[in-house]
Amino acid sequence: MVCPATAQPEPEPAGTIEELFAALESPLLAYALRLVGERGPAEDITQEAFMRLHAQFGEVREPRRWLYRTVHNLALNHRRDADKIVPFQPAAEDTPNPATEGPDPGLLPDEQLLRWEGIGLVRLSLAALDERSREVVRLKYAEDLSYREIGERTGLEAGHVGYLLHHALKTLAAELARTGLVP
């Protein structure tokens, strides 16, 4: 609807967050699914958008537009972050484990020592995390679970899983930077 005095669109009637959720949850989920291609992350993104709207509901003039833009931005962030993640591939039982089998013949001895030292520093940094954070990191990177799936296993909300994972990774990065393994 256009306001005749200014020829500008009038702000949407906000309603309640519950009404918006009932009306927009399915369309936003479908939109997020088209953007990221996986149901678990799409559900997490949609939930995160509604959580953010809830936190600032009083300031948002056009909640429908705001939600779609937030889902769009969160999906882009997810895709960008997913490109940075190298999935953990556990060694098959018949494949030798280079950390236990001996040096990699393609590496010079000093390179191999640096590699083993790096692996050890990562393990020590992981061990320094609290048990819940270690478990969240393990479920995310070793089992490749979505925040929702991690939440189901641990009893945590998906948003809290993201919070824990973010802070665990920041702690790991700071510790590895302190040891000089990463810049």
C-alpha atoms as a PDB file:
ATOM      1  CA  MET A   1       0.000   0.000   0.000  1.00  0.00           C
ATOM      2  CA  VAL A   2       1.285   3.510  -0.857  1.00  0.00           C
ATOM      3  CA  CYS A   3       0.893   6.475   1.428  1.00  0.00           C
ATOM      4  CA  PRO A   4      -0.731   9.239  -0.733  1.00  0.00           C
ATOM      5  CA  ALA A   5       1.016  12.116   1.057  1.00  0.00           C
ATOM      6  CA  THR A   6       4.562  10.931   0.360  1.00  0.00           C
ATOM      7  CA  ALA A   7       4.058   8.417  -2.473  1.00  0.00           C
ATOM      8  CA  GLN A   8       6.208   6.053  -0.387  1.00  0.00           C
ATOM      9  CA  PRO A   9       5.200   2.578   0.708  1.00  0.00           C
ATOM     10  CA  GLU A  10       3.704   2.531   4.162  1.00  0.00           C
ATOM     11  CA  PRO A  11       5.493   0.370   6.711  1.00  0.00           C
ATOM     12  CA  GLU A  12       4.063  -3.131   7.069  1.00  0.00           C
ATOM     13  CA  PRO A  13       1.838  -3.747  10.036  1.00  0.00           C
ATOM     14  CA  ALA A  14       4.150  -5.632  12.358  1.00  0.00           C
ATOM     15  CA  GLY A  15       1.650  -7.887  14.122  1.00  0.00           C
ATOM     16  CA  THR A  16       3.328 -10.167  16.590  1.00  0.00           C
ATOM     17  CA  ILE A  17       6.433 -12.258  16.205  1.00  0.00           C
ATOM     18  CA  GLU A  18       4.222 -15.350  16.519  1.00  0.00           C
ATOM     19  CA  GLU A  19       2.034 -14.211  13.605  1.00  0.00           C
ATOM     20  CA  LEU A  20       5.109 -13.506  11.500  1.00  0.00           C
ATOM     21  CA  PHE A  21       6.555 -16.900  12.354  1.00  0.00           C
ATOM     22  CA  ALA A  22       3.324 -18.674  11.433  1.00  0.00           C
ATOM     23  CA  ALA A  23       3.086 -16.807   8.127  1.00  0.00           C
ATOM     24  CA  LEU A  24       6.745 -16.757   7.057  1.00  0.00           C
ATOM     25  CA  GLU A  25       8.527 -19.746   8.569  1.00  0.00           C
ATOM     26  CA  SER A  26       7.799 -22.134   5.675  1.00  0.00           C
ATOM     27  CA  PRO A  27       8.511 -19.633   2.862  1.00  0.00           C
ATOM     28  CA  LEU A  28      11.729 -18.495   4.563  1.00  0.00           C
ATOM     29  CA  LEU A  29      12.830 -22.092   5.074  1.00  0.00           C
ATOM     30  CA  ALA A  30      12.192 -22.823   1.381  1.00  0.00           C
ATOM     31  CA  TYR A  31      14.158 -19.696   0.432  1.00  0.00           C
ATOM     32  CA  ALA A  32      17.080 -20.658   2.687  1.00  0.00           C
ATOM     33  CA  LEU A  33      16.995 -24.209   1.316  1.00  0.00           C
ATOM     34  CA  ARG A  34      17.292 -22.857  -2.243  1.00  0.00           C
ATOM     35  CA  LEU A  35      20.250 -20.729  -1.195  1.00  0.00           C
ATOM     36  CA  VAL A  36      22.260 -23.313   0.775  1.00  0.00           C
ATOM     37  CA  GLY A  37      20.996 -26.595  -0.693  1.00  0.00           C
ATOM     38  CA  GLU A  38      20.843 -28.499   2.618  1.00  0.00           C
ATOM     39  CA  ARG A  39      17.901 -28.768   4.976  1.00  0.00           C
ATOM     40  CA  GLY A  40      19.832 -28.709   8.277  1.00  0.00           C
ATOM     41  CA  PRO A  41      21.699 -25.463   7.620  1.00  0.00           C
ATOM     42  CA  ALA A  42      18.551 -23.943   6.063  1.00  0.00           C
ATOM     43  CA  GLU A  43      16.624 -24.669   9.269  1.00  0.00           C
ATOM     44  CA  ASP A  44      19.438 -23.182  11.362  1.00  0.00           C
ATOM     45  CA  ILE A  45      19.508 -20.052   9.191  1.00  0.00           C
ATOM     46  CA  THR A  46      15.739 -19.584   9.386  1.00  0.00           C
ATOM     47  CA  GLN A  47      15.766 -20.041  13.156  1.00  0.00           C
ATOM     48  CA  GLU A  48      18.659 -17.601  13.513  1.00  0.00           C
ATOM     49  CA  ALA A  49      16.796 -14.983  11.451  1.00  0.00           C
ATOM     50  CA  PHE A  50      13.734 -15.221  13.704  1.00  0.00           C
ATOM     51  CA  MET A  51      15.916 -15.092  16.818  1.00  0.00           C
ATOM     52  CA  ARG A  52      17.574 -11.921  15.547  1.00  0.00           C
ATOM     53  CA  LEU A  53      14.201 -10.392  14.698  1.00  0.00           C
ATOM     54  CA  HIS A  54      12.925 -11.226  18.161  1.00  0.00           C
ATOM     55  CA  ALA A  55      15.915  -9.468  19.713  1.00  0.00           C
ATOM     56  CA  GLN A  56      15.230  -6.235  17.831  1.00  0.00           C
ATOM     57  CA  PHE A  57      11.527  -6.506  16.990  1.00  0.00           C
ATOM     58  CA  GLY A  58      10.700  -3.001  18.198  1.00  0.00           C
ATOM     59  CA  GLU A  59      13.171  -1.323  15.816  1.00  0.00           C
ATOM     60  CA  VAL A  60      12.318  -3.238  12.626  1.00  0.00           C
ATOM     61  CA  ARG A  61       9.901  -1.315  10.410  1.00  0.00           C
ATOM     62  CA  GLU A  62       9.340  -3.946   7.719  1.00  0.00           C
ATOM     63  CA  PRO A  63       9.775  -7.346   9.378  1.00  0.00           C
ATOM     64  CA  ARG A  64       8.956  -9.398   6.263  1.00  0.00           C
ATOM     65  CA  ARG A  65      11.579  -7.653   4.136  1.00  0.00           C
ATOM     66  CA  TRP A  66      14.007  -7.643   7.055  1.00  0.00           C
ATOM     67  CA  LEU A  67      13.605 -11.415   7.544  1.00  0.00           C
ATOM     68  CA  TYR A  68      14.207 -12.206   3.877  1.00  0.00           C
ATOM     69  CA  ARG A  69      17.298  -9.985   3.802  1.00  0.00           C
ATOM     70  CA  THR A  70      18.602 -11.579   7.019  1.00  0.00           C
ATOM     71  CA  VAL A  71      18.053 -15.110   5.675  1.00  0.00           C
ATOM     72  CA  HIS A  72      19.804 -14.088   2.457  1.00  0.00           C
ATOM     73  CA  ASN A  73      22.819 -12.685   4.331  1.00  0.00           C
ATOM     74  CA  LEU A  74      23.033 -15.642   6.724  1.00  0.00           C
ATOM     75  CA  ALA A  75      22.896 -18.056   3.774  1.00  0.00           C
ATOM     76  CA  LEU A  76      25.714 -16.211   2.023  1.00  0.00           C
ATOM     77  CA  ASN A  77      27.770 -16.296   5.223  1.00  0.00           C
ATOM     78  CA  HIS A  78      27.098 -20.023   5.559  1.00  0.00           C
ATOM     79  CA  ARG A  79      28.178 -20.714   1.988  1.00  0.00           C
ATOM     80  CA  ARG A  80      31.318 -18.622   2.390  1.00  0.00           C
ATOM     81  CA  ASP A  81      32.199 -20.337   5.668  1.00  0.00           C
ATOM     82  CA  ALA A  82      31.450 -23.781   4.226  1.00  0.00           C
ATOM     83  CA  ASP A  83      33.993 -23.130   1.472  1.00  0.00           C
ATOM     84  CA  LYS A  84      36.665 -22.629   4.154  1.00  0.00           C
ATOM     85  CA  ILE A  85      35.955 -25.904   5.947  1.00  0.00           C
ATOM     86  CA  VAL A  86      37.869 -28.983   4.913  1.00  0.00           C
ATOM     87  CA  PRO A  87      35.813 -32.020   5.925  1.00  0.00           C
ATOM     88  CA  PHE A  88      37.461 -34.441   8.322  1.00  0.00           C
ATOM     89  CA  GLN A  89      38.093 -37.764   6.596  1.00  0.00           C
ATOM     90  CA  PRO A  90      38.997 -40.473   9.086  1.00  0.00           C
ATOM     91  CA  ALA A  91      41.502 -42.944   7.721  1.00  0.00           C
ATOM     92  CA  ALA A  92      40.069 -46.238   6.557  1.00  0.00           C
ATOM     93  CA  GLU A  93      41.227 -49.227   8.573  1.00  0.00           C
ATOM     94  CA  ASP A  94      43.367 -50.505   5.719  1.00  0.00           C
ATOM     95  CA  THR A  95      44.897 -47.079   5.047  1.00  0.00           C
ATOM     96  CA  PRO A  96      48.042 -46.337   7.057  1.00  0.00           C
ATOM     97  CA  ASN A  97      47.766 -43.392   9.436  1.00  0.00           C
ATOM     98  CA  PRO A  98      50.737 -41.092   8.750  1.00  0.00           C
ATOM     99  CA  ALA A  99      50.775 -39.870  12.350  1.00  0.00           C
ATOM    100  CA  THR A 100      51.285 -43.407  13.663  1.00  0.00           C
ATOM    101  CA  GLU A 101      52.811 -45.284  10.739  1.00  0.00           C
ATOM    102  CA  GLY A 102      55.878 -43.174  10.195  1.00  0.00           C
ATOM    103  CA  PRO A 103      57.065 -40.288   8.099  1.00  0.00           C
ATOM    104  CA  ASP A 104      55.448 -39.224   4.847  1.00  0.00           C
ATOM    105  CA  PRO A 105      57.982 -40.091   2.122  1.00  0.00           C
ATOM    106  CA  GLY A 106      57.000 -36.915   0.243  1.00  0.00           C
ATOM    107  CA  LEU A 107      58.111 -34.640   3.080  1.00  0.00           C
ATOM    108  CA  LEU A 108      61.588 -33.770   4.196  1.00  0.00           C
ATOM    109  CA  PRO A 109      62.377 -34.788   7.794  1.00  0.00           C
ATOM    110  CA  ASP A 110      62.135 -31.244   9.147  1.00  0.00           C
ATOM    111  CA  GLU A 111      58.806 -30.745   7.342  1.00  0.00           C
ATOM    112  CA  GLN A 112      57.517 -33.991   8.855  1.00  0.00           C
ATOM    113  CA  LEU A 113      58.580 -32.861  12.329  1.00  0.00           C
ATOM    114  CA  LEU A 114      56.774 -29.544  11.850  1.00  0.00           C
ATOM    115  CA  ARG A 115      53.668 -31.420  10.738  1.00  0.00           C
ATOM    116  CA  TRP A 116      53.715 -33.710  13.777  1.00  0.00           C
ATOM    117  CA  GLU A 117      54.363 -30.743  16.046  1.00  0.00           C
ATOM    118  CA  GLY A 118      51.401 -28.923  14.523  1.00  0.00           C
ATOM    119  CA  ILE A 119      49.151 -31.940  15.033  1.00  0.00           C
ATOM    120  CA  GLY A 120      50.294 -32.139  18.636  1.00  0.00           C
ATOM    121  CA  LEU A 121      49.656 -28.437  19.242  1.00  0.00           C
ATOM    122  CA  VAL A 122      46.142 -28.715  17.794  1.00  0.00           C
ATOM    123  CA  ARG A 123      45.435 -31.708  20.049  1.00  0.00           C
ATOM    124  CA  LEU A 124      46.734 -29.824  23.098  1.00  0.00           C
ATOM    125  CA  SER A 125      44.639 -26.776  22.189  1.00  0.00           C
ATOM    126  CA  LEU A 126      41.547 -28.964  21.829  1.00  0.00           C
ATOM    127  CA  ALA A 127      42.268 -30.603  25.180  1.00  0.00           C
ATOM    128  CA  ALA A 128      42.362 -27.154  26.804  1.00  0.00           C
ATOM    129  CA  LEU A 129      38.708 -26.536  25.835  1.00  0.00           C
ATOM    130  CA  ASP A 130      35.932 -27.469  28.228  1.00  0.00           C
ATOM    131  CA  GLU A 131      34.292 -30.845  27.588  1.00  0.00           C
ATOM    132  CA  ARG A 132      31.086 -29.400  26.079  1.00  0.00           C
ATOM    133  CA  SER A 133      33.014 -27.228  23.605  1.00  0.00           C
ATOM    134  CA  ARG A 134      35.224 -30.176  22.605  1.00  0.00           C
ATOM    135  CA  GLU A 135      32.125 -32.274  21.990  1.00  0.00           C
ATOM    136  CA  VAL A 136      30.505 -29.553  19.851  1.00  0.00           C
ATOM    137  CA  VAL A 137      33.707 -29.197  17.794  1.00  0.00           C
ATOM    138  CA  ARG A 138      33.946 -32.986  17.396  1.00  0.00           C
ATOM    139  CA  LEU A 139      30.314 -33.334  16.300  1.00  0.00           C
ATOM    140  CA  LYS A 140      30.629 -30.465  13.826  1.00  0.00           C
ATOM    141  CA  TYR A 141      33.940 -31.358  12.211  1.00  0.00           C
ATOM    142  CA  ALA A 142      34.374 -35.099  12.780  1.00  0.00           C
ATOM    143  CA  GLU A 143      30.742 -36.080  12.202  1.00  0.00           C
ATOM    144  CA  ASP A 144      29.750 -33.106   9.973  1.00  0.00           C
ATOM    145  CA  LEU A 145      26.464 -32.495  11.820  1.00  0.00           C
ATOM    146  CA  SER A 146      24.327 -29.376  11.495  1.00  0.00           C
ATOM    147  CA  TYR A 147      23.730 -27.120  14.493  1.00  0.00           C
ATOM    148  CA  ARG A 148      20.243 -28.604  14.820  1.00  0.00           C
ATOM    149  CA  GLU A 149      21.578 -32.176  14.837  1.00  0.00           C
ATOM    150  CA  ILE A 150      24.255 -31.243  17.378  1.00  0.00           C
ATOM    151  CA  GLY A 151      21.554 -29.646  19.508  1.00  0.00           C
ATOM    152  CA  GLU A 152      19.471 -32.813  19.375  1.00  0.00           C
ATOM    153  CA  ARG A 153      22.426 -34.912  20.551  1.00  0.00           C
ATOM    154  CA  THR A 154      23.562 -32.532  23.270  1.00  0.00           C
ATOM    155  CA  GLY A 155      20.256 -31.042  24.410  1.00  0.00           C
ATOM    156  CA  LEU A 156      21.382 -27.533  23.422  1.00  0.00           C
ATOM    157  CA  GLU A 157      19.504 -25.009  21.288  1.00  0.00           C
ATOM    158  CA  ALA A 158      20.900 -24.599  17.762  1.00  0.00           C
ATOM    159  CA  GLY A 159      21.752 -20.948  18.466  1.00  0.00           C
ATOM    160  CA  HIS A 160      23.679 -21.954  21.567  1.00  0.00           C
ATOM    161  CA  VAL A 161      25.557 -24.588  19.559  1.00  0.00           C
ATOM    162  CA  GLY A 162      26.645 -21.846  17.148  1.00  0.00           C
ATOM    163  CA  TYR A 163      27.709 -19.641  20.045  1.00  0.00           C
ATOM    164  CA  LEU A 164      29.775 -22.425  21.634  1.00  0.00           C
ATOM    165  CA  LEU A 165      31.347 -23.392  18.340  1.00  0.00           C
ATOM    166  CA  HIS A 166      32.237 -19.790  17.516  1.00  0.00           C
ATOM    167  CA  HIS A 167      33.928 -19.238  20.862  1.00  0.00           C
ATOM    168  CA  ALA A 168      35.686 -22.617  20.792  1.00  0.00           C
ATOM    169  CA  LEU A 169      37.158 -21.847  17.373  1.00  0.00           C
ATOM    170  CA  LYS A 170      38.206 -18.368  18.497  1.00  0.00           C
ATOM    171  CA  THR A 171      39.918 -19.906  21.528  1.00  0.00           C
ATOM    172  CA  LEU A 172      41.667 -22.496  19.361  1.00  0.00           C
ATOM    173  CA  ALA A 173      42.812 -19.856  16.875  1.00  0.00           C
ATOM    174  CA  ALA A 174      44.149 -17.636  19.655  1.00  0.00           C
ATOM    175  CA  GLU A 175      46.005 -20.549  21.254  1.00  0.00           C
ATOM    176  CA  LEU A 176      47.497 -21.664  17.940  1.00  0.00           C
ATOM    177  CA  ALA A 177      48.522 -18.081  17.162  1.00  0.00           C
ATOM    178  CA  ARG A 178      50.125 -17.822  20.603  1.00  0.00           C
ATOM    179  CA  THR A 179      52.170 -20.959  19.910  1.00  0.00           C
ATOM    180  CA  GLY A 180      53.222 -19.577  16.541  1.00  0.00           C
ATOM    181  CA  LEU A 181      51.555 -22.343  14.503  1.00  0.00           C
ATOM    182  CA  VAL A 182      49.321 -19.862  12.675  1.00  0.00           C
ATOM    183  CA  PRO A 183      49.825 -16.152  12.075  1.00  0.00           C
END
